[in-house]
Amino acid sequence: MAYNVIISERADELIDENVNYLLNKFKSPQAATHLLDGISSIYNRLEDNPFQFPDSQDAYLMRRHYKEALVPEMDYRIIFRVDGDDVYIVGLFHDLEDYVNKITE
């Protein structure tokens, strides 16, 4: 079964912000490329089976059926929820961020 991955406008903005941060603050095109490759890989896996990823570690988000995927070898996580055949990406967050409050704002 193929799932539709739907990226929210806010999630798209967060991805851009994080990539720009890696490029401009850390001057690391390699890290930015690695992040984008990791995101792309996760999106492909979400299309195949979003249930291969665990429920959110946060109790509040877990009760609302959010799941999360960790970007390999990086401290970023993609937060999403599944509704039927659709997978809604709500954000990309660094592990040091208070992503729960950012999602629920």
N, C-alpha and C. Protein backbone atom coordinates (compact mmCIF):
# COMPACT_ATOMS: atom_id res chain seq x y z
N MET A 1 0.85 -1.18 0.00
CA MET A 1 0.00 0.00 0.00
C MET A 1 0.89 1.24 0.00
N ALA A 2 0.59 2.17 -0.85
CA ALA A 2 1.36 3.41 -0.91
C ALA A 2 0.61 4.51 -0.14
N TYR A 3 1.35 5.20 0.68
CA TYR A 3 0.79 6.32 1.46
C TYR A 3 1.17 7.63 0.79
N ASN A 4 0.31 8.62 0.96
CA ASN A 4 0.56 9.97 0.44
C ASN A 4 1.25 10.78 1.53
N VAL A 5 2.43 11.27 1.26
CA VAL A 5 3.14 12.10 2.22
C VAL A 5 2.79 13.56 1.92
N ILE A 6 2.19 14.22 2.92
CA ILE A 6 1.76 15.60 2.78
C ILE A 6 2.58 16.44 3.75
N ILE A 7 3.33 17.37 3.20
CA ILE A 7 4.23 18.20 4.00
C ILE A 7 3.54 19.53 4.26
N SER A 8 3.32 19.83 5.53
CA SER A 8 2.66 21.10 5.86
C SER A 8 3.57 22.26 5.48
N GLU A 9 2.94 23.40 5.28
CA GLU A 9 3.71 24.61 4.96
C GLU A 9 4.70 24.92 6.08
N ARG A 10 4.26 24.75 7.32
CA ARG A 10 5.13 25.01 8.46
C ARG A 10 6.32 24.04 8.48
N ALA A 11 6.08 22.77 8.18
CA ALA A 11 7.17 21.79 8.14
C ALA A 11 8.18 22.17 7.06
N ASP A 12 7.68 22.61 5.91
CA ASP A 12 8.56 23.06 4.83
C ASP A 12 9.43 24.23 5.28
N GLU A 13 8.82 25.17 6.00
CA GLU A 13 9.58 26.32 6.53
C GLU A 13 10.64 25.87 7.52
N LEU A 14 10.30 24.92 8.38
CA LEU A 14 11.25 24.43 9.38
C LEU A 14 12.43 23.73 8.72
N ILE A 15 12.17 22.98 7.67
CA ILE A 15 13.24 22.32 6.94
C ILE A 15 14.17 23.38 6.35
N ASP A 16 13.58 24.38 5.70
CA ASP A 16 14.40 25.46 5.13
C ASP A 16 15.23 26.16 6.20
N GLU A 17 14.63 26.44 7.35
CA GLU A 17 15.35 27.11 8.44
C GLU A 17 16.53 26.29 8.91
N ASN A 18 16.32 24.98 9.08
CA ASN A 18 17.39 24.12 9.56
C ASN A 18 18.51 23.97 8.53
N VAL A 19 18.16 23.86 7.27
CA VAL A 19 19.18 23.76 6.22
C VAL A 19 19.97 25.07 6.15
N ASN A 20 19.26 26.20 6.19
CA ASN A 20 19.96 27.50 6.17
C ASN A 20 20.86 27.67 7.38
N TYR A 21 20.44 27.18 8.52
CA TYR A 21 21.25 27.24 9.73
C TYR A 21 22.56 26.48 9.54
N LEU A 22 22.46 25.28 8.98
CA LEU A 22 23.66 24.47 8.75
C LEU A 22 24.58 25.13 7.71
N LEU A 23 23.98 25.73 6.71
CA LEU A 23 24.78 26.37 5.66
C LEU A 23 25.42 27.67 6.13
N ASN A 24 24.64 28.51 6.81
CA ASN A 24 25.11 29.86 7.14
C ASN A 24 25.79 29.97 8.50
N LYS A 25 25.27 29.30 9.48
CA LYS A 25 25.86 29.38 10.83
C LYS A 25 27.10 28.49 10.95
N PHE A 26 26.95 27.23 10.48
CA PHE A 26 28.05 26.27 10.62
C PHE A 26 28.90 26.15 9.36
N LYS A 27 28.46 26.83 8.30
CA LYS A 27 29.22 26.80 7.04
C LYS A 27 29.51 25.37 6.62
N SER A 28 28.47 24.53 6.70
CA SER A 28 28.66 23.11 6.41
C SER A 28 27.67 22.61 5.36
N PRO A 29 28.04 22.76 4.08
CA PRO A 29 27.17 22.22 3.03
C PRO A 29 27.02 20.70 3.14
N GLN A 30 28.05 20.04 3.67
CA GLN A 30 27.98 18.59 3.82
C GLN A 30 26.87 18.20 4.81
N ALA A 31 26.79 18.92 5.92
CA ALA A 31 25.75 18.63 6.91
C ALA A 31 24.37 18.93 6.34
N ALA A 32 24.25 20.03 5.61
CA ALA A 32 22.96 20.37 5.00
C ALA A 32 22.53 19.30 4.00
N THR A 33 23.47 18.85 3.19
CA THR A 33 23.18 17.79 2.21
C THR A 33 22.80 16.50 2.92
N HIS A 34 23.53 16.18 3.98
CA HIS A 34 23.24 14.96 4.75
C HIS A 34 21.83 15.03 5.35
N LEU A 35 21.46 16.19 5.87
CA LEU A 35 20.12 16.36 6.43
C LEU A 35 19.06 16.18 5.35
N LEU A 36 19.23 16.82 4.21
CA LEU A 36 18.25 16.68 3.12
C LEU A 36 18.16 15.25 2.60
N ASP A 37 19.30 14.57 2.51
CA ASP A 37 19.28 13.16 2.09
C ASP A 37 18.54 12.30 3.10
N GLY A 38 18.77 12.57 4.39
CA GLY A 38 18.08 11.81 5.43
C GLY A 38 16.58 12.04 5.41
N ILE A 39 16.17 13.28 5.20
CA ILE A 39 14.74 13.60 5.11
C ILE A 39 14.12 12.88 3.92
N SER A 40 14.79 12.93 2.78
CA SER A 40 14.29 12.26 1.58
C SER A 40 14.12 10.76 1.80
N SER A 41 15.10 10.16 2.46
CA SER A 41 15.04 8.74 2.75
C SER A 41 13.85 8.41 3.66
N ILE A 42 13.62 9.24 4.66
CA ILE A 42 12.48 9.03 5.56
C ILE A 42 11.17 9.18 4.80
N TYR A 43 11.07 10.18 3.95
CA TYR A 43 9.84 10.36 3.16
C TYR A 43 9.55 9.12 2.32
N ASN A 44 10.58 8.55 1.71
CA ASN A 44 10.40 7.32 0.92
C ASN A 44 9.89 6.18 1.79
N ARG A 45 10.45 6.05 2.96
CA ARG A 45 10.01 5.00 3.89
C ARG A 45 8.59 5.24 4.37
N LEU A 46 8.23 6.51 4.57
CA LEU A 46 6.86 6.84 4.99
C LEU A 46 5.85 6.46 3.92
N GLU A 47 6.23 6.62 2.65
CA GLU A 47 5.33 6.24 1.56
C GLU A 47 5.06 4.74 1.58
N ASP A 48 6.05 3.96 1.97
CA ASP A 48 5.89 2.50 2.02
C ASP A 48 5.12 2.04 3.25
N ASN A 49 5.54 2.54 4.42
CA ASN A 49 4.91 2.09 5.65
C ASN A 49 5.24 3.03 6.80
N PRO A 50 4.37 3.98 7.10
CA PRO A 50 4.66 4.92 8.18
C PRO A 50 4.63 4.28 9.56
N PHE A 51 4.07 3.08 9.66
CA PHE A 51 3.96 2.41 10.95
C PHE A 51 5.23 1.71 11.37
N GLN A 52 6.26 1.78 10.52
CA GLN A 52 7.57 1.23 10.90
C GLN A 52 8.27 2.14 11.91
N PHE A 53 7.77 3.37 12.06
CA PHE A 53 8.36 4.33 12.98
C PHE A 53 7.58 4.33 14.29
N PRO A 54 8.28 4.63 15.39
CA PRO A 54 7.62 4.57 16.71
C PRO A 54 6.70 5.76 16.95
N ASP A 55 5.82 5.56 17.91
CA ASP A 55 4.99 6.66 18.41
C ASP A 55 5.91 7.71 19.01
N SER A 56 5.42 8.93 19.06
CA SER A 56 6.19 10.01 19.67
C SER A 56 6.57 9.64 21.09
N GLN A 57 7.75 10.08 21.50
CA GLN A 57 8.21 9.83 22.87
C GLN A 57 7.50 10.72 23.88
N ASP A 58 6.89 11.78 23.38
CA ASP A 58 6.16 12.69 24.25
C ASP A 58 4.75 12.17 24.48
N ALA A 59 4.33 12.08 25.74
CA ALA A 59 3.02 11.51 26.07
C ALA A 59 1.88 12.29 25.44
N TYR A 60 1.97 13.61 25.45
CA TYR A 60 0.92 14.44 24.87
C TYR A 60 0.75 14.15 23.38
N LEU A 61 1.86 14.12 22.65
CA LEU A 61 1.80 13.86 21.22
C LEU A 61 1.41 12.41 20.93
N MET A 62 1.85 11.49 21.76
CA MET A 62 1.50 10.09 21.57
C MET A 62 -0.01 9.90 21.69
N ARG A 63 -0.63 10.56 22.67
CA ARG A 63 -2.09 10.45 22.84
C ARG A 63 -2.83 10.98 21.62
N ARG A 64 -2.20 11.87 20.88
CA ARG A 64 -2.82 12.43 19.68
C ARG A 64 -2.33 11.71 18.41
N HIS A 65 -1.70 10.55 18.62
CA HIS A 65 -1.30 9.63 17.54
C HIS A 65 -0.20 10.17 16.63
N TYR A 66 0.67 11.01 17.19
CA TYR A 66 1.82 11.45 16.43
C TYR A 66 2.92 10.40 16.53
N LYS A 67 3.69 10.30 15.46
CA LYS A 67 4.83 9.40 15.40
C LYS A 67 6.06 10.25 15.09
N GLU A 68 7.23 9.64 15.18
CA GLU A 68 8.44 10.38 14.87
C GLU A 68 9.47 9.48 14.20
N ALA A 69 10.23 10.10 13.33
CA ALA A 69 11.31 9.41 12.64
C ALA A 69 12.59 10.20 12.86
N LEU A 70 13.62 9.52 13.29
CA LEU A 70 14.90 10.17 13.53
C LEU A 70 15.72 10.17 12.25
N VAL A 71 16.29 11.33 11.93
CA VAL A 71 17.15 11.43 10.76
C VAL A 71 18.45 10.72 11.11
N PRO A 72 18.85 9.72 10.31
CA PRO A 72 20.04 8.94 10.64
C PRO A 72 21.29 9.80 10.82
N GLU A 73 22.04 9.50 11.87
CA GLU A 73 23.33 10.13 12.17
C GLU A 73 23.23 11.63 12.41
N MET A 74 22.04 12.11 12.73
CA MET A 74 21.86 13.53 13.01
C MET A 74 20.91 13.65 14.20
N ASP A 75 20.88 14.80 14.82
CA ASP A 75 20.03 15.02 15.98
C ASP A 75 18.74 15.72 15.59
N TYR A 76 18.12 15.24 14.53
CA TYR A 76 16.86 15.81 14.05
C TYR A 76 15.79 14.73 14.02
N ARG A 77 14.56 15.17 14.22
CA ARG A 77 13.43 14.24 14.15
C ARG A 77 12.31 14.86 13.33
N ILE A 78 11.63 14.01 12.58
CA ILE A 78 10.46 14.41 11.82
C ILE A 78 9.24 13.94 12.60
N ILE A 79 8.32 14.86 12.85
CA ILE A 79 7.09 14.53 13.57
C ILE A 79 5.96 14.47 12.55
N PHE A 80 5.15 13.41 12.63
CA PHE A 80 4.08 13.21 11.66
C PHE A 80 2.93 12.42 12.29
N ARG A 81 1.81 12.44 11.59
CA ARG A 81 0.68 11.61 11.99
C ARG A 81 0.09 10.97 10.74
N VAL A 82 -0.55 9.84 10.95
CA VAL A 82 -1.13 9.08 9.85
C VAL A 82 -2.64 9.17 9.97
N ASP A 83 -3.29 9.47 8.86
CA ASP A 83 -4.75 9.53 8.80
C ASP A 83 -5.19 8.82 7.52
N GLY A 84 -5.61 7.58 7.66
CA GLY A 84 -5.97 6.78 6.49
C GLY A 84 -4.74 6.52 5.64
N ASP A 85 -4.82 6.93 4.38
CA ASP A 85 -3.71 6.74 3.44
C ASP A 85 -2.78 7.95 3.40
N ASP A 86 -3.04 8.93 4.25
CA ASP A 86 -2.25 10.16 4.24
C ASP A 86 -1.32 10.24 5.45
N VAL A 87 -0.10 10.70 5.19
CA VAL A 87 0.88 10.93 6.25
C VAL A 87 1.16 12.43 6.25
N TYR A 88 0.81 13.07 7.36
CA TYR A 88 0.97 14.52 7.47
C TYR A 88 2.23 14.85 8.25
N ILE A 89 3.20 15.46 7.56
CA ILE A 89 4.44 15.90 8.19
C ILE A 89 4.16 17.25 8.83
N VAL A 90 4.36 17.33 10.16
CA VAL A 90 4.07 18.60 10.85
C VAL A 90 5.33 19.37 11.21
N GLY A 91 6.49 18.71 11.19
CA GLY A 91 7.69 19.46 11.51
C GLY A 91 8.96 18.64 11.50
N LEU A 92 10.06 19.38 11.41
CA LEU A 92 11.42 18.84 11.56
C LEU A 92 12.05 19.64 12.68
N PHE A 93 12.56 18.94 13.69
CA PHE A 93 13.08 19.62 14.87
C PHE A 93 14.40 19.01 15.30
N HIS A 94 15.28 19.87 15.80
CA HIS A 94 16.51 19.41 16.42
C HIS A 94 16.16 18.88 17.80
N ASP A 95 16.91 17.90 18.27
CA ASP A 95 16.62 17.29 19.57
C ASP A 95 16.69 18.28 20.73
N LEU A 96 17.43 19.37 20.58
CA LEU A 96 17.53 20.35 21.66
C LEU A 96 16.35 21.31 21.70
N GLU A 97 15.49 21.27 20.69
CA GLU A 97 14.33 22.16 20.65
C GLU A 97 13.19 21.61 21.49
N ASP A 98 12.35 22.49 21.96
CA ASP A 98 11.12 22.11 22.64
C ASP A 98 10.04 21.94 21.57
N TYR A 99 10.15 20.86 20.83
CA TYR A 99 9.29 20.68 19.67
C TYR A 99 7.83 20.46 20.04
N VAL A 100 7.56 19.94 21.20
CA VAL A 100 6.18 19.70 21.62
C VAL A 100 5.41 21.02 21.68
N ASN A 101 5.99 22.02 22.31
CA ASN A 101 5.34 23.32 22.41
C ASN A 101 5.23 23.99 21.05
N LYS A 102 6.18 23.76 20.18
CA LYS A 102 6.13 24.36 18.85
C LYS A 102 5.02 23.74 18.01
N ILE A 103 4.74 22.47 18.21
CA ILE A 103 3.67 21.81 17.48
C ILE A 103 2.30 22.23 18.00
N THR A 104 2.19 22.38 19.30
CA THR A 104 0.88 22.65 19.91
C THR A 104 0.54 24.13 19.97
N GLU A 105 1.41 25.00 19.48
CA GLU A 105 1.13 26.45 19.50
C GLU A 105 0.01 26.79 18.56
